[in-house]
């Protein structure tokens, strides 16, 4: 957001010329260029925060955006129905099998190898997102050594090509399903063999997702989003995003295991965050409450 704002027209204005009218005009211009409502709202929050910091540090004698309210944030994306997730995983698996077959038979080998490599990564990416509920940046920052048995350690996150701590600043450990663990190891074995066959550098990098066969550099979070978007578009499910898979995991866990389990899986720093976002996902609790009252009242 900061990078965009410093290159935008509003970023080169004198700060004293900022006003709610100027910001509203900028919002209108951004929206007319196709910018999503969520992004427009985030830009206003970042701009207001920067100006607010300057005011608190006495770099400004007044806060020109003190009373401005930015555009409302878009409503939270809903979870993806489980049957659609199953269909998406099945399609990703079939596509990976077809790509591997082409990798063995088509020429030139280098082109088919690169295509197969990406398709396998997308399959593992989809399975991991649907299993762990991890954020896109956390998925992009995963390393091959982060899986120990069935336990996945999420210790870092990537944003704008920079790898740093997770959003909450905490490290969390999740137990993955047996299917995901098996797929993880199968993919690593396939990638090691492909890297050697392609005459790679002789060493395999640490990153789980990468745009090169040697995995020496991590794929950007935006790249993973693009890969996943292409998959969903191909299977005619364009509204599904990686973040919606996170909502699917959260909704399922809240319904069947409770808020505490969902909070840990998602990496929310506070339980109140899980409760605020996914309060709608607990109708079973209310059904149980009704049954309890029925027993008491007769």
C-alpha atoms as a PDB file:
ATOM      1  CA  UNK A   1       0.000   0.000   0.000  1.00  0.00           C
ATOM      2  CA  UNK A   2       2.821   2.385   0.888  1.00  0.00           C
ATOM      3  CA  UNK A   3       4.618   1.612  -2.353  1.00  0.00           C
ATOM      4  CA  UNK A   4       1.487   2.416  -4.338  1.00  0.00           C
ATOM      5  CA  UNK A   5       0.634   5.591  -2.441  1.00  0.00           C
ATOM      6  CA  UNK A   6       4.118   7.065  -2.831  1.00  0.00           C
ATOM      7  CA  UNK A   7       3.809   6.677  -6.603  1.00  0.00           C
ATOM      8  CA  UNK A   8       0.236   7.956  -6.816  1.00  0.00           C
ATOM      9  CA  UNK A   9      -0.762  11.578  -7.412  1.00  0.00           C
ATOM     10  CA  UNK A  10      -1.971  11.866  -3.848  1.00  0.00           C
ATOM     11  CA  UNK A  11       1.459  10.821  -2.603  1.00  0.00           C
ATOM     12  CA  UNK A  12       3.250  13.843  -4.073  1.00  0.00           C
ATOM     13  CA  UNK A  13       0.862  16.448  -2.690  1.00  0.00           C
ATOM     14  CA  UNK A  14       1.899  18.708   0.134  1.00  0.00           C
ATOM     15  CA  UNK A  15       0.466  17.160   3.276  1.00  0.00           C
ATOM     16  CA  UNK A  16      -1.184  20.446   4.275  1.00  0.00           C
ATOM     17  CA  UNK A  17      -3.239  20.346   1.088  1.00  0.00           C
ATOM     18  CA  UNK A  18      -4.789  17.018   2.047  1.00  0.00           C
ATOM     19  CA  UNK A  19      -8.450  17.141   2.939  1.00  0.00           C
ATOM     20  CA  UNK A  20     -11.391  14.742   3.039  1.00  0.00           C
ATOM     21  CA  UNK A  21     -12.481  16.102  -0.354  1.00  0.00           C
ATOM     22  CA  UNK A  22      -9.103  15.300  -1.903  1.00  0.00           C
ATOM     23  CA  UNK A  23      -9.108  11.771  -0.470  1.00  0.00           C
ATOM     24  CA  UNK A  24     -12.670  11.106  -1.633  1.00  0.00           C
ATOM     25  CA  UNK A  25     -11.693  12.232  -5.151  1.00  0.00           C
ATOM     26  CA  UNK A  26      -8.737   9.838  -5.062  1.00  0.00           C
ATOM     27  CA  UNK A  27     -11.021   6.999  -3.946  1.00  0.00           C
ATOM     28  CA  UNK A  28     -13.356   7.700  -6.846  1.00  0.00           C
ATOM     29  CA  UNK A  29     -10.427   7.652  -9.287  1.00  0.00           C
ATOM     30  CA  UNK A  30      -9.077   4.371  -7.899  1.00  0.00           C
ATOM     31  CA  UNK A  31     -12.480   2.715  -8.068  1.00  0.00           C
ATOM     32  CA  UNK A  32     -13.018   3.890 -11.648  1.00  0.00           C
ATOM     33  CA  UNK A  33      -9.768   2.155 -12.603  1.00  0.00           C
ATOM     34  CA  UNK A  34     -11.129  -1.156 -11.369  1.00  0.00           C
ATOM     35  CA  UNK A  35      -9.539  -1.201  -7.912  1.00  0.00           C
ATOM     36  CA  UNK A  36     -11.441  -3.410  -5.485  1.00  0.00           C
ATOM     37  CA  UNK A  37     -13.295  -1.832  -2.584  1.00  0.00           C
ATOM     38  CA  UNK A  38     -11.102  -3.682  -0.088  1.00  0.00           C
ATOM     39  CA  UNK A  39      -7.955  -2.165  -1.603  1.00  0.00           C
ATOM     40  CA  UNK A  40      -9.397   1.355  -1.744  1.00  0.00           C
ATOM     41  CA  UNK A  41     -10.358   1.119   1.922  1.00  0.00           C
ATOM     42  CA  UNK A  42      -6.895  -0.161   2.859  1.00  0.00           C
ATOM     43  CA  UNK A  43      -5.168   2.715   1.020  1.00  0.00           C
ATOM     44  CA  UNK A  44      -7.203   5.251   2.954  1.00  0.00           C
ATOM     45  CA  UNK A  45      -6.351   3.563   6.260  1.00  0.00           C
ATOM     46  CA  UNK A  46      -2.640   3.559   5.449  1.00  0.00           C
ATOM     47  CA  UNK A  47      -2.698   7.199   4.359  1.00  0.00           C
ATOM     48  CA  UNK A  48      -4.577   8.256   7.472  1.00  0.00           C
ATOM     49  CA  UNK A  49      -2.202   6.271   9.684  1.00  0.00           C
ATOM     50  CA  UNK A  50       0.851   7.921   8.138  1.00  0.00           C
ATOM     51  CA  UNK A  51      -0.561  11.408   8.599  1.00  0.00           C
ATOM     52  CA  UNK A  52      -1.680  10.523  12.124  1.00  0.00           C
ATOM     53  CA  UNK A  53       1.826   9.377  13.022  1.00  0.00           C
ATOM     54  CA  UNK A  54       3.303  12.641  11.706  1.00  0.00           C
ATOM     55  CA  UNK A  55       0.821  14.588  13.845  1.00  0.00           C
ATOM     56  CA  UNK A  56       1.635  12.571  16.970  1.00  0.00           C
ATOM     57  CA  UNK A  57       5.347  13.143  16.415  1.00  0.00           C
ATOM     58  CA  UNK A  58       4.691  16.904  16.124  1.00  0.00           C
ATOM     59  CA  UNK A  59       5.842  17.015  12.514  1.00  0.00           C
ATOM     60  CA  UNK A  60       2.432  18.547  11.756  1.00  0.00           C
ATOM     61  CA  UNK A  61       0.536  21.061  13.831  1.00  0.00           C
ATOM     62  CA  UNK A  62      -2.818  19.630  12.746  1.00  0.00           C
ATOM     63  CA  UNK A  63      -4.215  16.334  11.513  1.00  0.00           C
ATOM     64  CA  UNK A  64      -5.832  17.076   8.114  1.00  0.00           C
ATOM     65  CA  UNK A  65      -7.537  13.663   7.934  1.00  0.00           C
ATOM     66  CA  UNK A  66      -8.536  13.329  11.567  1.00  0.00           C
ATOM     67  CA  UNK A  67     -12.279  13.170  10.947  1.00  0.00           C
ATOM     68  CA  UNK A  68     -12.351  11.441   7.568  1.00  0.00           C
ATOM     69  CA  UNK A  69     -13.991   8.058   7.292  1.00  0.00           C
ATOM     70  CA  UNK A  70     -12.804   5.858   4.472  1.00  0.00           C
ATOM     71  CA  UNK A  71     -15.054   3.755   2.266  1.00  0.00           C
ATOM     72  CA  UNK A  72     -16.540   0.733   4.007  1.00  0.00           C
ATOM     73  CA  UNK A  73     -14.617  -2.492   3.817  1.00  0.00           C
ATOM     74  CA  UNK A  74     -16.033  -5.239   1.641  1.00  0.00           C
ATOM     75  CA  UNK A  75     -17.937  -7.932   3.531  1.00  0.00           C
ATOM     76  CA  UNK A  76     -15.972 -10.968   4.633  1.00  0.00           C
ATOM     77  CA  UNK A  77     -15.737 -13.596   1.930  1.00  0.00           C
ATOM     78  CA  UNK A  78     -17.834 -16.664   2.620  1.00  0.00           C
ATOM     79  CA  UNK A  79     -16.440 -20.150   2.928  1.00  0.00           C
ATOM     80  CA  UNK A  80     -16.343 -22.491  -0.051  1.00  0.00           C
ATOM     81  CA  UNK A  81     -18.789 -25.406   0.190  1.00  0.00           C
ATOM     82  CA  UNK A  82     -16.950 -28.634   0.928  1.00  0.00           C
ATOM     83  CA  UNK A  83     -18.245 -30.367  -2.207  1.00  0.00           C
ATOM     84  CA  UNK A  84     -16.716 -27.608  -4.347  1.00  0.00           C
ATOM     85  CA  UNK A  85     -13.396 -27.944  -2.526  1.00  0.00           C
ATOM     86  CA  UNK A  86     -13.446 -31.699  -3.181  1.00  0.00           C
ATOM     87  CA  UNK A  87     -14.166 -31.087  -6.881  1.00  0.00           C
ATOM     88  CA  UNK A  88     -11.358 -28.526  -7.066  1.00  0.00           C
ATOM     89  CA  UNK A  89      -8.878 -30.925  -5.474  1.00  0.00           C
ATOM     90  CA  UNK A  90      -9.936 -33.703  -7.837  1.00  0.00           C
ATOM     91  CA  UNK A  91      -9.402 -31.433 -10.843  1.00  0.00           C
ATOM     92  CA  UNK A  92      -5.983 -30.315  -9.582  1.00  0.00           C
ATOM     93  CA  UNK A  93      -4.995 -33.968  -9.133  1.00  0.00           C
ATOM     94  CA  UNK A  94      -6.150 -34.986 -12.632  1.00  0.00           C
ATOM     95  CA  UNK A  95      -4.341 -32.028 -14.148  1.00  0.00           C
ATOM     96  CA  UNK A  96      -1.144 -32.999 -12.343  1.00  0.00           C
ATOM     97  CA  UNK A  97      -1.375 -36.593 -13.594  1.00  0.00           C
ATOM     98  CA  UNK A  98      -1.931 -35.408 -17.172  1.00  0.00           C
ATOM     99  CA  UNK A  99       1.015 -32.998 -16.918  1.00  0.00           C
ATOM    100  CA  UNK A 100       3.295 -35.739 -15.606  1.00  0.00           C
ATOM    101  CA  UNK A 101       2.310 -37.947 -18.531  1.00  0.00           C
ATOM    102  CA  UNK A 102       3.100 -35.143 -20.959  1.00  0.00           C
ATOM    103  CA  UNK A 103       6.399 -34.562 -19.159  1.00  0.00           C
ATOM    104  CA  UNK A 104       7.452 -38.111 -20.051  1.00  0.00           C
ATOM    105  CA  UNK A 105       6.320 -38.107 -23.680  1.00  0.00           C
ATOM    106  CA  UNK A 106       6.321 -34.600 -25.134  1.00  0.00           C
ATOM    107  CA  UNK A 107       9.153 -32.487 -26.555  1.00  0.00           C
ATOM    108  CA  UNK A 108      10.928 -30.323 -25.788  1.00  0.00           C
ATOM    109  CA  UNK A 109      11.407 -31.911 -22.344  1.00  0.00           C
ATOM    110  CA  UNK A 110      12.348 -28.611 -20.682  1.00  0.00           C
ATOM    111  CA  UNK A 111       9.025 -26.981 -21.573  1.00  0.00           C
ATOM    112  CA  UNK A 112       6.918 -29.924 -20.406  1.00  0.00           C
ATOM    113  CA  UNK A 113       9.025 -30.271 -17.248  1.00  0.00           C
ATOM    114  CA  UNK A 114       8.404 -26.633 -16.290  1.00  0.00           C
ATOM    115  CA  UNK A 115       4.667 -26.997 -16.921  1.00  0.00           C
ATOM    116  CA  UNK A 116       4.472 -30.223 -14.922  1.00  0.00           C
ATOM    117  CA  UNK A 117       6.475 -28.666 -12.110  1.00  0.00           C
ATOM    118  CA  UNK A 118       4.066 -25.770 -11.770  1.00  0.00           C
ATOM    119  CA  UNK A 119       0.971 -27.975 -11.959  1.00  0.00           C
ATOM    120  CA  UNK A 120       2.281 -30.201  -9.154  1.00  0.00           C
ATOM    121  CA  UNK A 121       2.959 -27.154  -7.018  1.00  0.00           C
ATOM    122  CA  UNK A 122      -0.576 -25.887  -7.586  1.00  0.00           C
ATOM    123  CA  UNK A 123      -1.980 -29.258  -6.523  1.00  0.00           C
ATOM    124  CA  UNK A 124       0.064 -29.240  -3.311  1.00  0.00           C
ATOM    125  CA  UNK A 125      -0.782 -25.565  -2.742  1.00  0.00           C
ATOM    126  CA  UNK A 126      -4.511 -26.266  -3.033  1.00  0.00           C
ATOM    127  CA  UNK A 127      -4.343 -29.273  -0.743  1.00  0.00           C
ATOM    128  CA  UNK A 128      -2.289 -27.386   1.867  1.00  0.00           C
ATOM    129  CA  UNK A 129      -4.605 -24.374   1.817  1.00  0.00           C
ATOM    130  CA  UNK A 130      -7.673 -26.598   2.251  1.00  0.00           C
ATOM    131  CA  UNK A 131      -5.981 -28.579   5.019  1.00  0.00           C
ATOM    132  CA  UNK A 132      -4.120 -25.967   7.074  1.00  0.00           C
ATOM    133  CA  UNK A 133      -6.157 -22.792   6.560  1.00  0.00           C
ATOM    134  CA  UNK A 134      -2.840 -20.932   6.329  1.00  0.00           C
ATOM    135  CA  UNK A 135      -2.651 -17.431   4.906  1.00  0.00           C
ATOM    136  CA  UNK A 136      -1.315 -16.936   1.381  1.00  0.00           C
ATOM    137  CA  UNK A 137       1.848 -15.278   2.665  1.00  0.00           C
ATOM    138  CA  UNK A 138       2.442 -18.135   5.106  1.00  0.00           C
ATOM    139  CA  UNK A 139       2.103 -20.672   2.304  1.00  0.00           C
ATOM    140  CA  UNK A 140       4.573 -18.716   0.168  1.00  0.00           C
ATOM    141  CA  UNK A 141       7.148 -18.737   2.980  1.00  0.00           C
ATOM    142  CA  UNK A 142       6.992 -22.472   3.703  1.00  0.00           C
ATOM    143  CA  UNK A 143      10.216 -24.438   3.513  1.00  0.00           C
ATOM    144  CA  UNK A 144      10.728 -28.111   2.776  1.00  0.00           C
ATOM    145  CA  UNK A 145      12.038 -28.691   6.304  1.00  0.00           C
ATOM    146  CA  UNK A 146       8.959 -27.204   7.970  1.00  0.00           C
ATOM    147  CA  UNK A 147       7.195 -30.583   7.919  1.00  0.00           C
ATOM    148  CA  UNK A 148       8.269 -33.023  10.653  1.00  0.00           C
ATOM    149  CA  UNK A 149       6.267 -36.225  10.411  1.00  0.00           C
ATOM    150  CA  UNK A 150       2.724 -34.929  10.152  1.00  0.00           C
ATOM    151  CA  UNK A 151       3.409 -31.670  12.046  1.00  0.00           C
ATOM    152  CA  UNK A 152       3.779 -28.501   9.987  1.00  0.00           C
ATOM    153  CA  UNK A 153       5.524 -25.518  11.575  1.00  0.00           C
ATOM    154  CA  UNK A 154       4.379 -22.118  10.337  1.00  0.00           C
ATOM    155  CA  UNK A 155       7.090 -19.706  11.445  1.00  0.00           C
ATOM    156  CA  UNK A 156       7.196 -17.033   8.757  1.00  0.00           C
ATOM    157  CA  UNK A 157       5.200 -15.152   6.154  1.00  0.00           C
ATOM    158  CA  UNK A 158       5.988 -13.447   2.840  1.00  0.00           C
ATOM    159  CA  UNK A 159       4.698 -10.129   1.565  1.00  0.00           C
ATOM    160  CA  UNK A 160       5.922  -8.164  -1.411  1.00  0.00           C
ATOM    161  CA  UNK A 161       8.765 -10.621  -1.891  1.00  0.00           C
ATOM    162  CA  UNK A 162      10.046 -10.098   1.666  1.00  0.00           C
ATOM    163  CA  UNK A 163       9.977 -12.998   4.150  1.00  0.00           C
ATOM    164  CA  UNK A 164       9.354 -12.075   7.775  1.00  0.00           C
ATOM    165  CA  UNK A 165       7.408 -13.203  10.848  1.00  0.00           C
ATOM    166  CA  UNK A 166       3.795 -14.325  10.737  1.00  0.00           C
ATOM    167  CA  UNK A 167       1.005 -11.772  11.048  1.00  0.00           C
ATOM    168  CA  UNK A 168       0.570 -12.488  14.755  1.00  0.00           C
ATOM    169  CA  UNK A 169       4.327 -12.742  15.320  1.00  0.00           C
ATOM    170  CA  UNK A 170       3.847 -16.235  16.710  1.00  0.00           C
ATOM    171  CA  UNK A 171       5.000 -19.649  15.553  1.00  0.00           C
ATOM    172  CA  UNK A 172       2.313 -22.320  15.382  1.00  0.00           C
ATOM    173  CA  UNK A 173       2.365 -26.035  14.670  1.00  0.00           C
ATOM    174  CA  UNK A 174      -0.411 -27.899  12.880  1.00  0.00           C
ATOM    175  CA  UNK A 175      -1.027 -31.570  12.288  1.00  0.00           C
ATOM    176  CA  UNK A 176      -1.730 -32.206   8.611  1.00  0.00           C
ATOM    177  CA  UNK A 177      -3.872 -35.000   7.248  1.00  0.00           C
ATOM    178  CA  UNK A 178      -2.163 -38.181   6.038  1.00  0.00           C
ATOM    179  CA  UNK A 179      -3.154 -37.435   2.437  1.00  0.00           C
ATOM    180  CA  UNK A 180      -1.494 -34.023   2.510  1.00  0.00           C
ATOM    181  CA  UNK A 181       1.669 -35.400   4.125  1.00  0.00           C
ATOM    182  CA  UNK A 182       1.930 -38.101   1.469  1.00  0.00           C
ATOM    183  CA  UNK A 183       1.409 -35.575  -1.315  1.00  0.00           C
ATOM    184  CA  UNK A 184       4.083 -33.299   0.198  1.00  0.00           C
ATOM    185  CA  UNK A 185       6.692 -36.079   0.136  1.00  0.00           C
ATOM    186  CA  UNK A 186       5.667 -37.284  -3.332  1.00  0.00           C
ATOM    187  CA  UNK A 187       6.050 -33.776  -4.724  1.00  0.00           C
ATOM    188  CA  UNK A 188       9.458 -33.261  -3.130  1.00  0.00           C
ATOM    189  CA  UNK A 189      10.692 -36.562  -4.584  1.00  0.00           C
ATOM    190  CA  UNK A 190       9.353 -35.629  -8.015  1.00  0.00           C
ATOM    191  CA  UNK A 191      10.936 -32.172  -7.897  1.00  0.00           C
ATOM    192  CA  UNK A 192      14.329 -33.516  -6.819  1.00  0.00           C
ATOM    193  CA  UNK A 193      14.324 -35.986  -9.706  1.00  0.00           C
ATOM    194  CA  UNK A 194      13.210 -33.348 -12.193  1.00  0.00           C
ATOM    195  CA  UNK A 195      15.818 -30.852 -11.024  1.00  0.00           C
ATOM    196  CA  UNK A 196      18.588 -33.427 -11.458  1.00  0.00           C
ATOM    197  CA  UNK A 197      17.302 -34.518 -14.867  1.00  0.00           C
ATOM    198  CA  UNK A 198      17.156 -30.914 -16.058  1.00  0.00           C
ATOM    199  CA  UNK A 199      20.811 -30.377 -15.218  1.00  0.00           C
ATOM    200  CA  UNK A 200      20.156 -28.135 -12.240  1.00  0.00           C
ATOM    201  CA  UNK A 201      22.728 -26.659  -9.916  1.00  0.00           C
ATOM    202  CA  UNK A 202      23.082 -29.941  -8.038  1.00  0.00           C
ATOM    203  CA  UNK A 203      21.499 -28.599  -4.868  1.00  0.00           C
ATOM    204  CA  UNK A 204      17.837 -28.241  -4.069  1.00  0.00           C
ATOM    205  CA  UNK A 205      16.795 -25.039  -2.330  1.00  0.00           C
ATOM    206  CA  UNK A 206      14.838 -24.798   0.925  1.00  0.00           C
ATOM    207  CA  UNK A 207      11.615 -23.257  -0.389  1.00  0.00           C
ATOM    208  CA  UNK A 208       8.488 -25.368  -0.885  1.00  0.00           C
ATOM    209  CA  UNK A 209       7.017 -23.200  -3.656  1.00  0.00           C
ATOM    210  CA  UNK A 210       9.225 -21.641  -6.299  1.00  0.00           C
ATOM    211  CA  UNK A 211       9.228 -20.565  -9.936  1.00  0.00           C
ATOM    212  CA  UNK A 212      12.539 -22.340 -10.609  1.00  0.00           C
ATOM    213  CA  UNK A 213      13.216 -26.077 -10.654  1.00  0.00           C
ATOM    214  CA  UNK A 214      15.908 -25.813  -7.975  1.00  0.00           C
ATOM    215  CA  UNK A 215      13.678 -23.983  -5.468  1.00  0.00           C
ATOM    216  CA  UNK A 216      16.477 -21.653  -4.452  1.00  0.00           C
ATOM    217  CA  UNK A 217      14.147 -18.632  -4.379  1.00  0.00           C
ATOM    218  CA  UNK A 218      10.640 -18.564  -2.884  1.00  0.00           C
ATOM    219  CA  UNK A 219       7.633 -17.831  -5.050  1.00  0.00           C
ATOM    220  CA  UNK A 220       5.920 -14.545  -4.196  1.00  0.00           C
ATOM    221  CA  UNK A 221       2.585 -14.695  -2.428  1.00  0.00           C
ATOM    222  CA  UNK A 222       1.070 -12.880  -5.408  1.00  0.00           C
ATOM    223  CA  UNK A 223       2.416 -15.618  -7.689  1.00  0.00           C
ATOM    224  CA  UNK A 224       0.672 -18.302  -5.652  1.00  0.00           C
ATOM    225  CA  UNK A 225      -2.529 -16.288  -5.845  1.00  0.00           C
ATOM    226  CA  UNK A 226      -2.200 -16.082  -9.634  1.00  0.00           C
ATOM    227  CA  UNK A 227      -1.541 -19.815  -9.943  1.00  0.00           C
ATOM    228  CA  UNK A 228      -4.583 -20.622  -7.834  1.00  0.00           C
ATOM    229  CA  UNK A 229      -6.787 -18.130  -9.678  1.00  0.00           C
ATOM    230  CA  UNK A 230      -5.849 -19.761 -12.989  1.00  0.00           C
ATOM    231  CA  UNK A 231      -6.753 -23.194 -11.593  1.00  0.00           C
ATOM    232  CA  UNK A 232     -10.158 -21.996 -10.372  1.00  0.00           C
ATOM    233  CA  UNK A 233     -10.848 -20.215 -13.664  1.00  0.00           C
ATOM    234  CA  UNK A 234     -10.046 -23.383 -15.624  1.00  0.00           C
ATOM    235  CA  UNK A 235     -12.499 -25.414 -13.563  1.00  0.00           C
ATOM    236  CA  UNK A 236     -15.162 -22.673 -13.836  1.00  0.00           C
ATOM    237  CA  UNK A 237     -14.988 -21.658 -10.170  1.00  0.00           C
ATOM    238  CA  UNK A 238     -13.627 -18.110 -10.566  1.00  0.00           C
ATOM    239  CA  UNK A 239     -15.023 -16.869  -7.249  1.00  0.00           C
ATOM    240  CA  UNK A 240     -12.869 -19.202  -5.154  1.00  0.00           C
ATOM    241  CA  UNK A 241      -9.714 -17.698  -3.656  1.00  0.00           C
ATOM    242  CA  UNK A 242      -7.040 -19.028  -1.335  1.00  0.00           C
ATOM    243  CA  UNK A 243      -8.438 -16.865   1.439  1.00  0.00           C
ATOM    244  CA  UNK A 244     -11.881 -18.401   0.983  1.00  0.00           C
ATOM    245  CA  UNK A 245     -10.332 -21.830   1.563  1.00  0.00           C
ATOM    246  CA  UNK A 246      -9.083 -20.408   4.854  1.00  0.00           C
ATOM    247  CA  UNK A 247     -12.691 -19.493   5.670  1.00  0.00           C
ATOM    248  CA  UNK A 248     -13.756 -23.041   4.787  1.00  0.00           C
ATOM    249  CA  UNK A 249     -11.277 -24.529   7.260  1.00  0.00           C
ATOM    250  CA  UNK A 250     -12.361 -22.071   9.957  1.00  0.00           C
ATOM    251  CA  UNK A 251     -16.069 -22.657   9.427  1.00  0.00           C
ATOM    252  CA  UNK A 252     -15.686 -26.438   9.520  1.00  0.00           C
ATOM    253  CA  UNK A 253     -13.607 -26.337  12.704  1.00  0.00           C
ATOM    254  CA  UNK A 254     -15.917 -23.912  14.492  1.00  0.00           C
ATOM    255  CA  UNK A 255     -18.895 -26.130  13.708  1.00  0.00           C
ATOM    256  CA  UNK A 256     -17.293 -29.404  14.687  1.00  0.00           C
ATOM    257  CA  UNK A 257     -14.461 -28.608  17.121  1.00  0.00           C
ATOM    258  CA  UNK A 258     -15.146 -25.158  18.554  1.00  0.00           C
ATOM    259  CA  UNK A 259     -13.595 -21.704  18.436  1.00  0.00           C
ATOM    260  CA  UNK A 260     -10.380 -22.545  20.293  1.00  0.00           C
ATOM    261  CA  UNK A 261      -9.364 -25.180  17.749  1.00  0.00           C
ATOM    262  CA  UNK A 262     -10.142 -22.813  14.879  1.00  0.00           C
ATOM    263  CA  UNK A 263      -8.189 -19.992  16.514  1.00  0.00           C
ATOM    264  CA  UNK A 264      -5.054 -22.126  16.778  1.00  0.00           C
ATOM    265  CA  UNK A 265      -5.333 -23.476  13.234  1.00  0.00           C
ATOM    266  CA  UNK A 266      -5.789 -20.000  11.744  1.00  0.00           C
ATOM    267  CA  UNK A 267      -3.140 -18.324  13.881  1.00  0.00           C
ATOM    268  CA  UNK A 268      -5.379 -15.608  15.322  1.00  0.00           C
ATOM    269  CA  UNK A 269      -3.606 -13.786  18.140  1.00  0.00           C
ATOM    270  CA  UNK A 270      -6.885 -13.286  20.023  1.00  0.00           C
ATOM    271  CA  UNK A 271      -9.852 -15.628  20.413  1.00  0.00           C
ATOM    272  CA  UNK A 272     -12.108 -12.600  20.029  1.00  0.00           C
ATOM    273  CA  UNK A 273     -10.997 -12.318  16.389  1.00  0.00           C
ATOM    274  CA  UNK A 274     -12.133 -15.867  15.653  1.00  0.00           C
ATOM    275  CA  UNK A 275     -15.411 -15.307  17.466  1.00  0.00           C
ATOM    276  CA  UNK A 276     -16.090 -12.000  15.707  1.00  0.00           C
ATOM    277  CA  UNK A 277     -15.482 -13.353  12.204  1.00  0.00           C
ATOM    278  CA  UNK A 278     -16.950 -16.839  12.553  1.00  0.00           C
ATOM    279  CA  UNK A 279     -19.779 -16.422  15.031  1.00  0.00           C
ATOM    280  CA  UNK A 280     -22.167 -17.326  12.210  1.00  0.00           C
ATOM    281  CA  UNK A 281     -20.517 -20.724  11.816  1.00  0.00           C
ATOM    282  CA  UNK A 282     -21.757 -22.160  15.097  1.00  0.00           C
ATOM    283  CA  UNK A 283     -25.456 -22.968  14.548  1.00  0.00           C
ATOM    284  CA  UNK A 284     -24.904 -26.483  15.896  1.00  0.00           C
ATOM    285  CA  UNK A 285     -24.128 -24.997  19.300  1.00  0.00           C
ATOM    286  CA  UNK A 286     -27.494 -23.270  19.296  1.00  0.00           C
ATOM    287  CA  UNK A 287     -29.259 -26.480  18.284  1.00  0.00           C
ATOM    288  CA  UNK A 288     -27.591 -28.231  21.214  1.00  0.00           C
ATOM    289  CA  UNK A 289     -28.702 -25.382  23.482  1.00  0.00           C
ATOM    290  CA  UNK A 290     -32.282 -25.813  22.325  1.00  0.00           C
ATOM    291  CA  UNK A 291     -32.092 -29.543  23.007  1.00  0.00           C
ATOM    292  CA  UNK A 292     -30.773 -28.860  26.520  1.00  0.00           C
ATOM    293  CA  UNK A 293     -33.611 -26.450  27.272  1.00  0.00           C
ATOM    294  CA  UNK A 294     -36.103 -28.963  25.895  1.00  0.00           C
ATOM    295  CA  UNK A 295     -34.836 -31.614  28.333  1.00  0.00           C
ATOM    296  CA  UNK A 296     -35.010 -29.191  31.247  1.00  0.00           C
ATOM    297  CA  UNK A 297     -38.479 -27.897  30.487  1.00  0.00           C
ATOM    298  CA  UNK A 298     -39.937 -31.207  29.401  1.00  0.00           C
END
